Amino acid sequence: MGFFKEFKEFAMRGSVVDLAVGVVIGGAFGKIVTSLVNDIIMPPIGYLTGGVDFSNLKYVITPADEAAGITEVAINYGTFVNVVIQFIIVAFCIFLVIKGLNSLKKKEEAAPAAPAAPSKEEVLLTEIRDILRNK
């Protein structure tokens, strides 16, 4: 029974739950970036390059021969170009988020803290000083 309790404590630790949330959100964010690259960024780039679709770019090593039952062997470098562009976009987005968080932290650190309230001893000493001064 102790093993399951220990596992539950491990699994419910804050960092593990945060990591799980990050993975789920990261997966969803990955789909957004994939759509951004494939549906919004790549069509204009393809238009500028004369209608080239990067995902179809490949270097054929052995062409397909249906009669002989040979499938095509190719290096799909266009897919790699798409993935590199997606990586650059994700890295740039994360950079912007981290930069924004760092600037917020700097603003919080730069803001002067409110002066601390005097301790009980300081209040008593001030009262004693004022009483002695009035005598």
Protein backbone atom coordinates (compact mmCIF):
# COMPACT_ATOMS: atom_id res chain seq x y z
CA MET A 1 0.00 0.00 0.00
CA GLY A 2 2.92 2.36 0.70
CA PHE A 3 4.13 2.07 -2.89
CA PHE A 4 0.85 3.39 -4.32
CA LYS A 5 0.74 6.24 -1.81
CA GLU A 6 4.30 7.21 -2.74
CA PHE A 7 3.44 7.01 -6.46
CA LYS A 8 0.34 9.18 -5.94
CA GLU A 9 2.43 11.80 -4.11
CA PHE A 10 4.94 11.75 -6.96
CA ALA A 11 2.31 11.95 -9.71
CA MET A 12 0.41 14.76 -8.02
CA ARG A 13 3.49 16.84 -7.30
CA GLY A 14 3.07 20.32 -8.74
CA SER A 15 5.92 20.09 -11.22
CA VAL A 16 4.61 16.85 -12.73
CA VAL A 17 1.12 18.28 -13.19
CA ASP A 18 2.59 21.49 -14.66
CA LEU A 19 4.66 19.42 -17.07
CA ALA A 20 1.59 17.46 -18.18
CA VAL A 21 -0.33 20.68 -18.80
CA GLY A 22 2.64 22.07 -20.73
CA VAL A 23 2.81 18.97 -22.94
CA VAL A 24 -0.91 19.13 -23.76
CA ILE A 25 -0.81 22.86 -24.51
CA GLY A 26 2.42 22.38 -26.48
CA GLY A 27 0.74 19.75 -28.65
CA ALA A 28 -2.14 22.09 -29.39
CA PHE A 29 0.28 24.94 -30.07
CA GLY A 30 2.18 22.68 -32.45
CA LYS A 31 -0.98 22.13 -34.48
CA ILE A 32 -1.55 25.88 -34.64
CA VAL A 33 2.00 26.47 -35.85
CA THR A 34 1.70 23.68 -38.42
CA SER A 35 -1.44 25.28 -39.81
CA LEU A 36 0.19 28.72 -39.75
CA VAL A 37 3.17 27.48 -41.74
CA ASN A 38 1.29 25.25 -44.20
CA ASP A 39 -1.79 27.42 -44.77
CA ILE A 40 -0.59 31.01 -44.31
CA ILE A 41 3.19 31.33 -44.66
CA MET A 42 4.08 28.70 -47.27
CA PRO A 43 1.53 29.68 -49.99
CA PRO A 44 2.99 33.21 -50.44
CA ILE A 45 6.52 31.80 -50.37
CA GLY A 46 5.48 29.23 -52.97
CA TYR A 47 3.94 32.02 -55.06
CA LEU A 48 7.13 34.10 -54.83
CA THR A 49 9.20 31.10 -55.90
CA GLY A 50 7.02 30.43 -58.94
CA GLY A 51 4.47 28.08 -57.44
CA VAL A 52 6.94 25.68 -55.86
CA ASP A 53 5.33 23.59 -53.12
CA PHE A 54 8.11 22.80 -50.65
CA SER A 55 6.38 19.72 -49.29
CA ASN A 56 6.60 18.10 -52.76
CA LEU A 57 10.30 18.82 -53.27
CA LYS A 58 12.38 15.66 -53.26
CA TYR A 59 15.43 14.03 -54.73
CA VAL A 60 14.48 10.71 -56.31
CA ILE A 61 17.14 8.04 -55.81
CA THR A 62 15.20 5.19 -57.40
CA PRO A 63 12.05 5.96 -59.40
CA ALA A 64 8.98 3.85 -58.90
CA ASP A 65 8.36 1.01 -61.34
CA GLU A 66 4.91 -0.43 -60.85
CA ALA A 67 5.49 -3.23 -63.36
CA ALA A 68 8.52 -4.46 -61.43
CA GLY A 69 6.90 -3.76 -58.03
CA ILE A 70 9.55 -1.20 -57.05
CA THR A 71 8.46 1.69 -54.90
CA GLU A 72 10.05 5.10 -55.15
CA VAL A 73 13.06 5.82 -52.96
CA ALA A 74 13.49 9.56 -52.45
CA ILE A 75 14.92 12.16 -50.08
CA ASN A 76 12.04 14.47 -49.20
CA TYR A 77 13.98 17.65 -48.46
CA GLY A 78 10.90 19.85 -49.02
CA THR A 79 9.26 18.38 -45.93
CA PHE A 80 12.46 19.13 -44.03
CA VAL A 81 12.31 22.77 -45.19
CA ASN A 82 8.73 23.00 -43.87
CA VAL A 83 9.76 21.54 -40.51
CA VAL A 84 12.72 23.96 -40.22
CA ILE A 85 10.40 26.90 -40.91
CA GLN A 86 7.97 25.61 -38.28
CA PHE A 87 10.84 25.31 -35.79
CA ILE A 88 11.96 28.88 -36.47
CA ILE A 89 8.42 30.16 -35.95
CA VAL A 90 7.99 28.22 -32.68
CA ALA A 91 11.39 29.36 -31.43
CA PHE A 92 10.55 32.98 -32.29
CA CYS A 93 7.16 32.77 -30.52
CA ILE A 94 8.74 31.27 -27.41
CA PHE A 95 11.46 33.95 -27.54
CA LEU A 96 8.78 36.67 -27.58
CA VAL A 97 6.92 35.08 -24.65
CA ILE A 98 10.09 34.71 -22.55
CA LYS A 99 11.19 38.25 -23.44
CA GLY A 100 7.80 39.56 -22.30
CA LEU A 101 7.95 37.62 -19.04
CA ASN A 102 11.50 38.85 -18.37
CA SER A 103 10.48 42.46 -18.94
CA LEU A 104 7.58 42.03 -16.50
CA LYS A 105 9.97 40.58 -13.90
CA LYS A 106 12.37 43.51 -14.38
CA LYS A 107 9.51 45.98 -13.88
CA GLU A 108 8.48 44.21 -10.67
CA GLU A 109 12.05 44.20 -9.40
CA ALA A 110 12.59 47.86 -10.34
CA ALA A 111 9.44 49.03 -8.56
CA PRO A 112 10.37 50.30 -5.11
CA ALA A 113 8.93 48.34 -2.26
CA ALA A 114 6.69 50.15 0.18
CA PRO A 115 8.49 51.02 3.39
CA ALA A 116 7.97 48.43 6.06
CA ALA A 117 5.78 49.33 9.00
CA PRO A 118 7.77 50.07 12.16
CA SER A 119 8.16 47.19 14.57
CA LYS A 120 6.59 47.22 18.03
CA GLU A 121 9.94 48.07 19.56
CA GLU A 122 10.38 51.07 17.26
CA VAL A 123 6.90 52.33 18.11
CA LEU A 124 7.57 51.98 21.85
CA LEU A 125 10.94 53.71 21.56
CA THR A 126 9.34 56.56 19.61
CA GLU A 127 6.67 56.95 22.29
CA ILE A 128 9.31 56.96 25.04
CA ARG A 129 11.35 59.54 23.14
CA ASP A 130 8.31 61.78 22.71
CA ILE A 131 7.41 61.48 26.40
CA LEU A 132 10.97 62.37 27.46
CA ARG A 133 11.05 65.28 25.05
CA ASN A 134 7.80 66.73 26.48
CA LYS A 135 9.13 66.69 30.08
